[in-house]
Amino acid sequence: MSIIALQAVAIFLAILAFFSLYKAYDGPTAADRVVAINVISTKVAVLIALLAVVTEQEAFIDVALIYAMMGFIATVCVSKYIEKGKLF
């Protein structure tokens, strides 16, 4: 895949992340905000993976995986807190 196509995909994902950021700000419920933040963290992980492909540095793939796992764990913790009112 050419670099120009990857850059176009990265720009498109960044624009979509801003729409999710607006939903996180304006979401009517806390659950909507949590989902929007989860979408943003997923898009950032994909952007990091695209950066790894463009720069040909394999270490960024590990960073993207760790970032995605941290986003997932944060989403689960916040969702549990919203549902029950306590974490543990």
PDB file of N, CA and C in Angstrom:
ATOM      1  N   MET A   1       0.853  -1.174   0.000  1.00  0.00           N
ATOM      2  CA  MET A   1       0.000   0.000   0.000  1.00  0.00           C
ATOM      3  C   MET A   1       0.898   1.236   0.000  1.00  0.00           C
ATOM      4  N   SER A   2       0.497   2.227  -0.741  1.00  0.00           N
ATOM      5  CA  SER A   2       1.348   3.402  -0.850  1.00  0.00           C
ATOM      6  C   SER A   2       1.243   4.282   0.388  1.00  0.00           C
ATOM      7  N   ILE A   3       2.255   5.096   0.560  1.00  0.00           N
ATOM      8  CA  ILE A   3       2.315   5.992   1.707  1.00  0.00           C
ATOM      9  C   ILE A   3       1.171   7.007   1.663  1.00  0.00           C
ATOM     10  N   ILE A   4       0.813   7.458   0.481  1.00  0.00           N
ATOM     11  CA  ILE A   4      -0.250   8.457   0.348  1.00  0.00           C
ATOM     12  C   ILE A   4      -1.588   7.877   0.815  1.00  0.00           C
ATOM     13  N   ALA A   5      -1.850   6.623   0.474  1.00  0.00           N
ATOM     14  CA  ALA A   5      -3.101   5.989   0.919  1.00  0.00           C
ATOM     15  C   ALA A   5      -3.110   5.839   2.437  1.00  0.00           C
ATOM     16  N   LEU A   6      -1.982   5.472   3.032  1.00  0.00           N
ATOM     17  CA  LEU A   6      -1.912   5.344   4.485  1.00  0.00           C
ATOM     18  C   LEU A   6      -2.093   6.690   5.170  1.00  0.00           C
ATOM     19  N   GLN A   7      -1.535   7.728   4.577  1.00  0.00           N
ATOM     20  CA  GLN A   7      -1.726   9.066   5.137  1.00  0.00           C
ATOM     21  C   GLN A   7      -3.191   9.505   5.042  1.00  0.00           C
ATOM     22  N   ALA A   8      -3.847   9.161   3.937  1.00  0.00           N
ATOM     23  CA  ALA A   8      -5.263   9.501   3.790  1.00  0.00           C
ATOM     24  C   ALA A   8      -6.105   8.768   4.828  1.00  0.00           C
ATOM     25  N   VAL A   9      -5.799   7.512   5.069  1.00  0.00           N
ATOM     26  CA  VAL A   9      -6.518   6.747   6.086  1.00  0.00           C
ATOM     27  C   VAL A   9      -6.274   7.348   7.469  1.00  0.00           C
ATOM     28  N   ALA A  10      -5.041   7.754   7.743  1.00  0.00           N
ATOM     29  CA  ALA A  10      -4.717   8.348   9.040  1.00  0.00           C
ATOM     30  C   ALA A  10      -5.479   9.663   9.243  1.00  0.00           C
ATOM     31  N   ILE A  11      -5.556  10.473   8.229  1.00  0.00           N
ATOM     32  CA  ILE A  11      -6.295  11.734   8.335  1.00  0.00           C
ATOM     33  C   ILE A  11      -7.782  11.469   8.541  1.00  0.00           C
ATOM     34  N   PHE A  12      -8.319  10.495   7.818  1.00  0.00           N
ATOM     35  CA  PHE A  12      -9.729  10.139   7.970  1.00  0.00           C
ATOM     36  C   PHE A  12     -10.021   9.646   9.377  1.00  0.00           C
ATOM     37  N   LEU A  13      -9.147   8.808   9.936  1.00  0.00           N
ATOM     38  CA  LEU A  13      -9.338   8.315  11.298  1.00  0.00           C
ATOM     39  C   LEU A  13      -9.228   9.438  12.322  1.00  0.00           C
ATOM     40  N   ALA A  14      -8.328  10.380  12.088  1.00  0.00           N
ATOM     41  CA  ALA A  14      -8.196  11.517  13.006  1.00  0.00           C
ATOM     42  C   ALA A  14      -9.456  12.380  12.983  1.00  0.00           C
ATOM     43  N   ILE A  15     -10.037  12.576  11.820  1.00  0.00           N
ATOM     44  CA  ILE A  15     -11.279  13.344  11.725  1.00  0.00           C
ATOM     45  C   ILE A  15     -12.405  12.622  12.454  1.00  0.00           C
ATOM     46  N   LEU A  16     -12.483  11.304  12.276  1.00  0.00           N
ATOM     47  CA  LEU A  16     -13.515  10.537  12.972  1.00  0.00           C
ATOM     48  C   LEU A  16     -13.304  10.570  14.482  1.00  0.00           C
ATOM     49  N   ALA A  17     -12.055  10.623  14.917  1.00  0.00           N
ATOM     50  CA  ALA A  17     -11.776  10.710  16.354  1.00  0.00           C
ATOM     51  C   ALA A  17     -12.297  12.029  16.917  1.00  0.00           C
ATOM     52  N   PHE A  18     -12.238  13.099  16.134  1.00  0.00           N
ATOM     53  CA  PHE A  18     -12.780  14.368  16.603  1.00  0.00           C
ATOM     54  C   PHE A  18     -14.296  14.322  16.736  1.00  0.00           C
ATOM     55  N   PHE A  19     -14.980  13.577  15.853  1.00  0.00           N
ATOM     56  CA  PHE A  19     -16.418  13.387  16.019  1.00  0.00           C
ATOM     57  C   PHE A  19     -16.715  12.626  17.306  1.00  0.00           C
ATOM     58  N   SER A  20     -15.893  11.636  17.601  1.00  0.00           N
ATOM     59  CA  SER A  20     -16.066  10.886  18.851  1.00  0.00           C
ATOM     60  C   SER A  20     -15.777  11.776  20.058  1.00  0.00           C
ATOM     61  N   LEU A  21     -14.812  12.666  19.921  1.00  0.00           N
ATOM     62  CA  LEU A  21     -14.512  13.599  21.003  1.00  0.00           C
ATOM     63  C   LEU A  21     -15.704  14.508  21.281  1.00  0.00           C
ATOM     64  N   TYR A  22     -16.368  14.941  20.234  1.00  0.00           N
ATOM     65  CA  TYR A  22     -17.572  15.747  20.424  1.00  0.00           C
ATOM     66  C   TYR A  22     -18.656  14.941  21.134  1.00  0.00           C
ATOM     67  N   LYS A  23     -18.812  13.670  20.754  1.00  0.00           N
ATOM     68  CA  LYS A  23     -19.814  12.820  21.413  1.00  0.00           C
ATOM     69  C   LYS A  23     -19.452  12.593  22.878  1.00  0.00           C
ATOM     70  N   ALA A  24     -18.162  12.504  23.175  1.00  0.00           N
ATOM     71  CA  ALA A  24     -17.742  12.344  24.567  1.00  0.00           C
ATOM     72  C   ALA A  24     -18.056  13.604  25.370  1.00  0.00           C
ATOM     73  N   TYR A  25     -17.972  14.745  24.743  1.00  0.00           N
ATOM     74  CA  TYR A  25     -18.276  16.000  25.422  1.00  0.00           C
ATOM     75  C   TYR A  25     -19.781  16.199  25.576  1.00  0.00           C
ATOM     76  N   ASP A  26     -20.535  15.865  24.544  1.00  0.00           N
ATOM     77  CA  ASP A  26     -21.951  16.196  24.495  1.00  0.00           C
ATOM     78  C   ASP A  26     -22.856  15.006  24.805  1.00  0.00           C
ATOM     79  N   GLY A  27     -22.285  13.834  25.074  1.00  0.00           N
ATOM     80  CA  GLY A  27     -23.092  12.638  25.294  1.00  0.00           C
ATOM     81  C   GLY A  27     -24.132  12.831  26.366  1.00  0.00           C
ATOM     82  N   PRO A  28     -25.365  12.395  26.112  1.00  0.00           N
ATOM     83  CA  PRO A  28     -26.411  12.621  27.116  1.00  0.00           C
ATOM     84  C   PRO A  28     -26.242  11.751  28.362  1.00  0.00           C
ATOM     85  N   THR A  29     -25.615  10.598  28.226  1.00  0.00           N
ATOM     86  CA  THR A  29     -25.433   9.726  29.393  1.00  0.00           C
ATOM     87  C   THR A  29     -23.955   9.410  29.579  1.00  0.00           C
ATOM     88  N   ALA A  30     -23.643   8.917  30.749  1.00  0.00           N
ATOM     89  CA  ALA A  30     -22.259   8.535  31.031  1.00  0.00           C
ATOM     90  C   ALA A  30     -21.822   7.351  30.173  1.00  0.00           C
ATOM     91  N   ALA A  31     -22.750   6.465  29.875  1.00  0.00           N
ATOM     92  CA  ALA A  31     -22.413   5.311  29.039  1.00  0.00           C
ATOM     93  C   ALA A  31     -22.012   5.756  27.633  1.00  0.00           C
ATOM     94  N   ASP A  32     -22.694   6.758  27.093  1.00  0.00           N
ATOM     95  CA  ASP A  32     -22.320   7.289  25.782  1.00  0.00           C
ATOM     96  C   ASP A  32     -20.913   7.872  25.807  1.00  0.00           C
ATOM     97  N   ARG A  33     -20.589   8.540  26.886  1.00  0.00           N
ATOM     98  CA  ARG A  33     -19.249   9.125  27.009  1.00  0.00           C
ATOM     99  C   ARG A  33     -18.175   8.049  27.102  1.00  0.00           C
ATOM    100  N   VAL A  34     -18.455   6.974  27.830  1.00  0.00           N
ATOM    101  CA  VAL A  34     -17.487   5.885  27.958  1.00  0.00           C
ATOM    102  C   VAL A  34     -17.251   5.222  26.609  1.00  0.00           C
ATOM    103  N   VAL A  35     -18.316   4.991  25.872  1.00  0.00           N
ATOM    104  CA  VAL A  35     -18.176   4.376  24.547  1.00  0.00           C
ATOM    105  C   VAL A  35     -17.386   5.295  23.614  1.00  0.00           C
ATOM    106  N   ALA A  36     -17.641   6.579  23.669  1.00  0.00           N
ATOM    107  CA  ALA A  36     -16.917   7.524  22.806  1.00  0.00           C
ATOM    108  C   ALA A  36     -15.426   7.549  23.142  1.00  0.00           C
ATOM    109  N   ILE A  37     -15.095   7.521  24.416  1.00  0.00           N
ATOM    110  CA  ILE A  37     -13.684   7.495  24.807  1.00  0.00           C
ATOM    111  C   ILE A  37     -13.030   6.184  24.373  1.00  0.00           C
ATOM    112  N   ASN A  38     -13.777   5.084  24.448  1.00  0.00           N
ATOM    113  CA  ASN A  38     -13.250   3.806  23.986  1.00  0.00           C
ATOM    114  C   ASN A  38     -12.991   3.834  22.482  1.00  0.00           C
ATOM    115  N   VAL A  39     -13.873   4.454  21.734  1.00  0.00           N
ATOM    116  CA  VAL A  39     -13.681   4.584  20.286  1.00  0.00           C
ATOM    117  C   VAL A  39     -12.443   5.416  19.990  1.00  0.00           C
ATOM    118  N   ILE A  40     -12.253   6.483  20.741  1.00  0.00           N
ATOM    119  CA  ILE A  40     -11.077   7.321  20.537  1.00  0.00           C
ATOM    120  C   ILE A  40      -9.796   6.547  20.820  1.00  0.00           C
ATOM    121  N   SER A  41      -9.773   5.791  21.906  1.00  0.00           N
ATOM    122  CA  SER A  41      -8.552   5.038  22.229  1.00  0.00           C
ATOM    123  C   SER A  41      -8.282   3.958  21.187  1.00  0.00           C
ATOM    124  N   THR A  42      -9.330   3.363  20.631  1.00  0.00           N
ATOM    125  CA  THR A  42      -9.136   2.374  19.569  1.00  0.00           C
ATOM    126  C   THR A  42      -8.578   3.026  18.311  1.00  0.00           C
ATOM    127  N   LYS A  43      -9.098   4.183  17.969  1.00  0.00           N
ATOM    128  CA  LYS A  43      -8.599   4.893  16.784  1.00  0.00           C
ATOM    129  C   LYS A  43      -7.147   5.324  16.967  1.00  0.00           C
ATOM    130  N   VAL A  44      -6.778   5.733  18.162  1.00  0.00           N
ATOM    131  CA  VAL A  44      -5.392   6.108  18.426  1.00  0.00           C
ATOM    132  C   VAL A  44      -4.476   4.888  18.296  1.00  0.00           C
ATOM    133  N   ALA A  45      -4.930   3.737  18.760  1.00  0.00           N
ATOM    134  CA  ALA A  45      -4.132   2.514  18.624  1.00  0.00           C
ATOM    135  C   ALA A  45      -3.937   2.157  17.147  1.00  0.00           C
ATOM    136  N   VAL A  46      -4.973   2.334  16.349  1.00  0.00           N
ATOM    137  CA  VAL A  46      -4.854   2.072  14.910  1.00  0.00           C
ATOM    138  C   VAL A  46      -3.917   3.084  14.258  1.00  0.00           C
ATOM    139  N   LEU A  47      -3.986   4.337  14.688  1.00  0.00           N
ATOM    140  CA  LEU A  47      -3.076   5.351  14.150  1.00  0.00           C
ATOM    141  C   LEU A  47      -1.618   5.034  14.498  1.00  0.00           C
ATOM    142  N   ILE A  48      -1.384   4.530  15.689  1.00  0.00           N
ATOM    143  CA  ILE A  48      -0.026   4.131  16.074  1.00  0.00           C
ATOM    144  C   ILE A  48       0.442   2.965  15.212  1.00  0.00           C
ATOM    145  N   ALA A  49      -0.456   2.021  14.940  1.00  0.00           N
ATOM    146  CA  ALA A  49      -0.097   0.895  14.069  1.00  0.00           C
ATOM    147  C   ALA A  49       0.195   1.374  12.647  1.00  0.00           C
ATOM    148  N   LEU A  50      -0.578   2.325  12.148  1.00  0.00           N
ATOM    149  CA  LEU A  50      -0.286   2.899  10.834  1.00  0.00           C
ATOM    150  C   LEU A  50       1.068   3.599  10.821  1.00  0.00           C
ATOM    151  N   LEU A  51       1.380   4.286  11.896  1.00  0.00           N
ATOM    152  CA  LEU A  51       2.680   4.936  12.010  1.00  0.00           C
ATOM    153  C   LEU A  51       3.804   3.903  11.977  1.00  0.00           C
ATOM    154  N   ALA A  52       3.562   2.752  12.589  1.00  0.00           N
ATOM    155  CA  ALA A  52       4.562   1.687  12.574  1.00  0.00           C
ATOM    156  C   ALA A  52       4.793   1.177  11.159  1.00  0.00           C
ATOM    157  N   VAL A  53       3.724   1.081  10.378  1.00  0.00           N
ATOM    158  CA  VAL A  53       3.857   0.614   8.994  1.00  0.00           C
ATOM    159  C   VAL A  53       4.590   1.649   8.154  1.00  0.00           C
ATOM    160  N   VAL A  54       4.242   2.913   8.323  1.00  0.00           N
ATOM    161  CA  VAL A  54       4.855   3.969   7.515  1.00  0.00           C
ATOM    162  C   VAL A  54       6.341   4.119   7.833  1.00  0.00           C
ATOM    163  N   THR A  55       6.695   4.093   9.117  1.00  0.00           N
ATOM    164  CA  THR A  55       8.093   4.296   9.499  1.00  0.00           C
ATOM    165  C   THR A  55       8.905   3.007   9.540  1.00  0.00           C
ATOM    166  N   GLU A  56       8.216   1.869   9.334  1.00  0.00           N
ATOM    167  CA  GLU A  56       8.864   0.552   9.333  1.00  0.00           C
ATOM    168  C   GLU A  56       9.598   0.262  10.647  1.00  0.00           C
ATOM    169  N   GLN A  57       8.997   0.661  11.743  1.00  0.00           N
ATOM    170  CA  GLN A  57       9.542   0.375  13.066  1.00  0.00           C
ATOM    171  C   GLN A  57       8.569  -0.547  13.793  1.00  0.00           C
ATOM    172  N   GLU A  58       9.029  -1.757  14.024  1.00  0.00           N
ATOM    173  CA  GLU A  58       8.166  -2.776  14.604  1.00  0.00           C
ATOM    174  C   GLU A  58       7.839  -2.531  16.069  1.00  0.00           C
ATOM    175  N   ALA A  59       8.624  -1.730  16.745  1.00  0.00           N
ATOM    176  CA  ALA A  59       8.380  -1.474  18.166  1.00  0.00           C
ATOM    177  C   ALA A  59       7.071  -0.723  18.384  1.00  0.00           C
ATOM    178  N   PHE A  60       6.635   0.053  17.402  1.00  0.00           N
ATOM    179  CA  PHE A  60       5.384   0.792  17.536  1.00  0.00           C
ATOM    180  C   PHE A  60       4.181  -0.137  17.582  1.00  0.00           C
ATOM    181  N   ILE A  61       4.286  -1.314  16.998  1.00  0.00           N
ATOM    182  CA  ILE A  61       3.193  -2.284  17.060  1.00  0.00           C
ATOM    183  C   ILE A  61       2.966  -2.704  18.511  1.00  0.00           C
ATOM    184  N   ASP A  62       4.068  -2.930  19.237  1.00  0.00           N
ATOM    185  CA  ASP A  62       3.947  -3.271  20.655  1.00  0.00           C
ATOM    186  C   ASP A  62       3.301  -2.135  21.440  1.00  0.00           C
ATOM    187  N   VAL A  63       3.674  -0.919  21.119  1.00  0.00           N
ATOM    188  CA  VAL A  63       3.089   0.249  21.787  1.00  0.00           C
ATOM    189  C   VAL A  63       1.588   0.318  21.501  1.00  0.00           C
ATOM    190  N   ALA A  64       1.195   0.058  20.258  1.00  0.00           N
ATOM    191  CA  ALA A  64      -0.222   0.091  19.900  1.00  0.00           C
ATOM    192  C   ALA A  64      -1.003  -0.988  20.641  1.00  0.00           C
ATOM    193  N   LEU A  65      -0.429  -2.173  20.773  1.00  0.00           N
ATOM    194  CA  LEU A  65      -1.111  -3.247  21.495  1.00  0.00           C
ATOM    195  C   LEU A  65      -1.283  -2.912  22.977  1.00  0.00           C
ATOM    196  N   ILE A  66      -0.234  -2.391  23.586  1.00  0.00           N
ATOM    197  CA  ILE A  66      -0.322  -2.012  24.997  1.00  0.00           C
ATOM    198  C   ILE A  66      -1.338  -0.889  25.185  1.00  0.00           C
ATOM    199  N   TYR A  67      -1.341   0.078  24.281  1.00  0.00           N
ATOM    200  CA  TYR A  67      -2.300   1.180  24.370  1.00  0.00           C
ATOM    201  C   TYR A  67      -3.728   0.665  24.244  1.00  0.00           C
ATOM    202  N   ALA A  68      -3.954  -0.274  23.333  1.00  0.00           N
ATOM    203  CA  ALA A  68      -5.292  -0.842  23.160  1.00  0.00           C
ATOM    204  C   ALA A  68      -5.722  -1.619  24.407  1.00  0.00           C
ATOM    205  N   MET A  69      -4.801  -2.362  24.993  1.00  0.00           N
ATOM    206  CA  MET A  69      -5.135  -3.106  26.218  1.00  0.00           C
ATOM    207  C   MET A  69      -5.450  -2.156  27.369  1.00  0.00           C
ATOM    208  N   MET A  70      -4.678  -1.083  27.505  1.00  0.00           N
ATOM    209  CA  MET A  70      -4.944  -0.119  28.569  1.00  0.00           C
ATOM    210  C   MET A  70      -6.294   0.564  28.369  1.00  0.00           C
ATOM    211  N   GLY A  71      -6.629   0.880  27.122  1.00  0.00           N
ATOM    212  CA  GLY A  71      -7.928   1.478  26.836  1.00  0.00           C
ATOM    213  C   GLY A  71      -9.071   0.540  27.161  1.00  0.00           C
ATOM    214  N   PHE A  72      -8.888  -0.735  26.851  1.00  0.00           N
ATOM    215  CA  PHE A  72      -9.924  -1.720  27.160  1.00  0.00           C
ATOM    216  C   PHE A  72     -10.108  -1.864  28.665  1.00  0.00           C
ATOM    217  N   ILE A  73      -9.011  -1.964  29.395  1.00  0.00           N
ATOM    218  CA  ILE A  73      -9.101  -2.114  30.854  1.00  0.00           C
ATOM    219  C   ILE A  73      -9.731  -0.878  31.482  1.00  0.00           C
ATOM    220  N   ALA A  74      -9.378   0.292  31.002  1.00  0.00           N
ATOM    221  CA  ALA A  74      -9.976   1.521  31.521  1.00  0.00           C
ATOM    222  C   ALA A  74     -11.475   1.560  31.244  1.00  0.00           C
ATOM    223  N   THR A  75     -11.875   1.126  30.063  1.00  0.00           N
ATOM    224  CA  THR A  75     -13.296   1.099  29.727  1.00  0.00           C
ATOM    225  C   THR A  75     -14.064   0.140  30.627  1.00  0.00           C
ATOM    226  N   VAL A  76     -13.490  -1.028  30.867  1.00  0.00           N
ATOM    227  CA  VAL A  76     -14.152  -1.998  31.741  1.00  0.00           C
ATOM    228  C   VAL A  76     -14.264  -1.447  33.163  1.00  0.00           C
ATOM    229  N   CYS A  77     -13.203  -0.830  33.661  1.00  0.00           N
ATOM    230  CA  CYS A  77     -13.235  -0.281  35.025  1.00  0.00           C
ATOM    231  C   CYS A  77     -14.256   0.841  35.161  1.00  0.00           C
ATOM    232  N   VAL A  78     -14.285   1.740  34.213  1.00  0.00           N
ATOM    233  CA  VAL A  78     -15.240   2.856  34.281  1.00  0.00           C
ATOM    234  C   VAL A  78     -16.668   2.339  34.139  1.00  0.00           C
ATOM    235  N   SER A  79     -16.874   1.360  33.265  1.00  0.00           N
ATOM    236  CA  SER A  79     -18.215   0.792  33.105  1.00  0.00           C
ATOM    237  C   SER A  79     -18.678   0.112  34.380  1.00  0.00           C
ATOM    238  N   LYS A  80     -17.765  -0.601  35.035  1.00  0.00           N
ATOM    239  CA  LYS A  80     -18.121  -1.249  36.301  1.00  0.00           C
ATOM    240  C   LYS A  80     -18.432  -0.200  37.367  1.00  0.00           C
ATOM    241  N   TYR A  81     -17.668   0.868  37.388  1.00  0.00           N
ATOM    242  CA  TYR A  81     -17.910   1.942  38.349  1.00  0.00           C
ATOM    243  C   TYR A  81     -19.275   2.595  38.102  1.00  0.00           C
ATOM    244  N   ILE A  82     -19.614   2.827  36.846  1.00  0.00           N
ATOM    245  CA  ILE A  82     -20.896   3.441  36.515  1.00  0.00           C
ATOM    246  C   ILE A  82     -22.042   2.517  36.920  1.00  0.00           C
ATOM    247  N   GLU A  83     -21.858   1.227  36.697  1.00  0.00           N
ATOM    248  CA  GLU A  83     -22.929   0.274  36.968  1.00  0.00           C
ATOM    249  C   GLU A  83     -23.155   0.054  38.464  1.00  0.00           C
ATOM    250  N   LYS A  84     -22.088  -0.132  39.217  1.00  0.00           N
ATOM    251  CA  LYS A  84     -22.234  -0.516  40.624  1.00  0.00           C
ATOM    252  C   LYS A  84     -21.864   0.585  41.612  1.00  0.00           C
ATOM    253  N   GLY A  85     -21.104   1.575  41.197  1.00  0.00           N
ATOM    254  CA  GLY A  85     -20.748   2.665  42.096  1.00  0.00           C
ATOM    255  C   GLY A  85     -19.473   2.424  42.870  1.00  0.00           C
ATOM    256  N   LYS A  86     -18.852   1.268  42.725  1.00  0.00           N
ATOM    257  CA  LYS A  86     -17.575   1.004  43.386  1.00  0.00           C
ATOM    258  C   LYS A  86     -16.747   0.110  42.461  1.00  0.00           C
ATOM    259  N   LEU A  87     -15.437   0.212  42.596  1.00  0.00           N
ATOM    260  CA  LEU A  87     -14.570  -0.556  41.700  1.00  0.00           C
ATOM    261  C   LEU A  87     -14.308  -1.970  42.199  1.00  0.00           C
ATOM    262  N   PHE A  88     -14.084  -2.133  43.484  1.00  0.00           N
ATOM    263  CA  PHE A  88     -13.710  -3.466  43.984  1.00  0.00           C
ATOM    264  C   PHE A  88     -14.611  -3.928  45.092  1.00  0.00           C
TER     265      PHE A  88
END
